[in-house]
């Protein structure tokens, strides 16, 4: 069993205890970036802020016009899809590890020292 040790600042905290306890009633740690339902749109939004991804997306859009088509449409989409999938998988694994760590911290026993 691992314990977390919390040392409160007794001077100011105990004066407004009721207000602080109501304001911080759900006091838990959350370092994750995504929720399960916001992962895809938020991750795609972040991925397309990178200039390289926008460049490959521009090439994919250009290849859908027959006058400008250089490669087959499917071949032009492959580099973008591979890069986006690799980044999504990496971000999902990182976020899941953060979620597990936050869960272990939030459910650990806490010992609070007081005067």
Protein backbone atom coordinates (compact mmCIF):
# COMPACT_ATOMS: atom_id res chain seq x y z
CA UNK A 1 0.00 0.00 0.00
CA UNK A 2 1.41 3.34 -1.05
CA UNK A 3 0.40 6.48 0.76
CA UNK A 4 0.27 10.05 -0.45
CA UNK A 5 1.22 12.64 2.14
CA UNK A 6 -0.48 16.03 1.97
CA UNK A 7 0.73 18.99 4.03
CA UNK A 8 -1.98 21.69 4.12
CA UNK A 9 -1.26 25.35 4.60
CA UNK A 10 -3.11 25.68 7.91
CA UNK A 11 -3.07 29.46 8.17
CA UNK A 12 -5.41 30.47 5.37
CA UNK A 13 -7.04 27.17 4.48
CA UNK A 14 -8.90 26.53 7.72
CA UNK A 15 -10.48 29.99 7.81
CA UNK A 16 -12.46 29.41 4.63
CA UNK A 17 -12.82 25.64 5.00
CA UNK A 18 -16.50 25.42 4.05
CA UNK A 19 -16.06 27.57 0.98
CA UNK A 20 -12.95 25.69 -0.14
CA UNK A 21 -14.49 22.27 0.46
CA UNK A 22 -17.56 23.22 -1.59
CA UNK A 23 -15.42 24.66 -4.38
CA UNK A 24 -13.00 21.70 -4.51
CA UNK A 25 -15.48 18.93 -3.75
CA UNK A 26 -14.29 16.83 -6.70
CA UNK A 27 -10.61 17.31 -5.94
CA UNK A 28 -8.90 14.86 -8.28
CA UNK A 29 -5.98 14.84 -10.66
CA UNK A 30 -6.67 14.76 -14.39
CA UNK A 31 -3.80 15.09 -16.85
CA UNK A 32 -5.44 13.41 -19.83
CA UNK A 33 -5.98 15.45 -22.94
CA UNK A 34 -8.86 13.56 -24.55
CA UNK A 35 -12.19 11.99 -23.68
CA UNK A 36 -13.30 8.87 -25.53
CA UNK A 37 -15.84 10.85 -27.59
CA UNK A 38 -13.55 13.82 -28.35
CA UNK A 39 -10.45 11.86 -29.32
CA UNK A 40 -10.95 11.71 -33.09
CA UNK A 41 -12.04 15.32 -33.78
CA UNK A 42 -9.62 16.89 -31.31
CA UNK A 43 -6.70 14.77 -32.50
CA UNK A 44 -7.40 15.52 -36.16
CA UNK A 45 -7.65 19.21 -35.32
CA UNK A 46 -4.23 19.08 -33.66
CA UNK A 47 -2.71 16.99 -36.47
CA UNK A 48 -3.74 19.47 -39.16
CA UNK A 49 -2.04 22.31 -37.33
CA UNK A 50 1.24 20.80 -38.53
CA UNK A 51 2.46 22.18 -41.82
CA UNK A 52 3.58 18.79 -43.17
CA UNK A 53 0.15 17.27 -42.70
CA UNK A 54 -1.50 20.23 -44.40
CA UNK A 55 0.90 19.84 -47.33
CA UNK A 56 0.01 16.17 -47.81
CA UNK A 57 -3.69 16.99 -47.43
CA UNK A 58 -3.31 19.63 -50.15
CA UNK A 59 -1.72 17.00 -52.42
CA UNK A 60 -4.59 14.61 -51.75
CA UNK A 61 -7.14 17.29 -52.63
CA UNK A 62 -5.25 18.18 -55.82
CA UNK A 63 -5.21 14.56 -56.95
CA UNK A 64 -9.00 14.42 -56.88
CA UNK A 65 -9.09 16.77 -59.89
CA UNK A 66 -8.44 14.87 -63.14
CA UNK A 67 -6.66 17.84 -64.78
CA UNK A 68 -3.99 18.01 -62.05
CA UNK A 69 -3.83 14.34 -61.08
CA UNK A 70 -0.24 13.12 -60.85
CA UNK A 71 -0.68 9.89 -58.86
CA UNK A 72 -3.67 7.69 -58.37
CA UNK A 73 -6.00 9.05 -55.73
CA UNK A 74 -5.45 6.15 -53.37
CA UNK A 75 -1.66 6.32 -53.62
CA UNK A 76 -1.66 10.04 -52.83
CA UNK A 77 -3.69 9.41 -49.66
CA UNK A 78 -1.38 6.68 -48.31
CA UNK A 79 1.38 8.89 -46.81
CA UNK A 80 -1.15 11.12 -45.07
CA UNK A 81 -3.15 8.19 -43.71
CA UNK A 82 -0.03 6.41 -42.43
CA UNK A 83 1.28 9.51 -40.66
CA UNK A 84 -2.11 10.36 -39.14
CA UNK A 85 -2.72 6.79 -37.94
CA UNK A 86 0.76 6.53 -36.41
CA UNK A 87 0.29 9.84 -34.58
CA UNK A 88 -3.19 8.87 -33.40
CA UNK A 89 -2.00 5.53 -32.05
CA UNK A 90 0.89 7.20 -30.24
CA UNK A 91 -1.39 9.87 -28.73
CA UNK A 92 -3.97 7.27 -27.69
CA UNK A 93 -1.34 5.14 -25.94
CA UNK A 94 0.11 8.18 -24.15
CA UNK A 95 -3.29 9.39 -23.05
CA UNK A 96 -4.31 5.94 -21.82
CA UNK A 97 -1.12 5.73 -19.74
CA UNK A 98 -1.88 9.14 -18.25
CA UNK A 99 -5.43 7.98 -17.47
CA UNK A 100 -4.19 4.86 -15.67
CA UNK A 101 -1.64 6.88 -13.68
CA UNK A 102 -4.26 9.49 -12.72
CA UNK A 103 -6.63 6.73 -11.64
CA UNK A 104 -3.96 5.14 -9.43
CA UNK A 105 -3.14 8.52 -7.83
CA UNK A 106 -6.79 9.47 -7.30
CA UNK A 107 -7.64 6.19 -5.57
CA UNK A 108 -4.53 6.00 -3.40
CA UNK A 109 -4.76 6.42 0.35
CA UNK A 110 -3.97 9.86 1.66
CA UNK A 111 -2.55 10.87 5.00
CA UNK A 112 -3.07 14.52 5.89
CA UNK A 113 -0.90 16.07 8.57
CA UNK A 114 -2.34 18.77 10.77
CA UNK A 115 -1.05 20.69 13.77
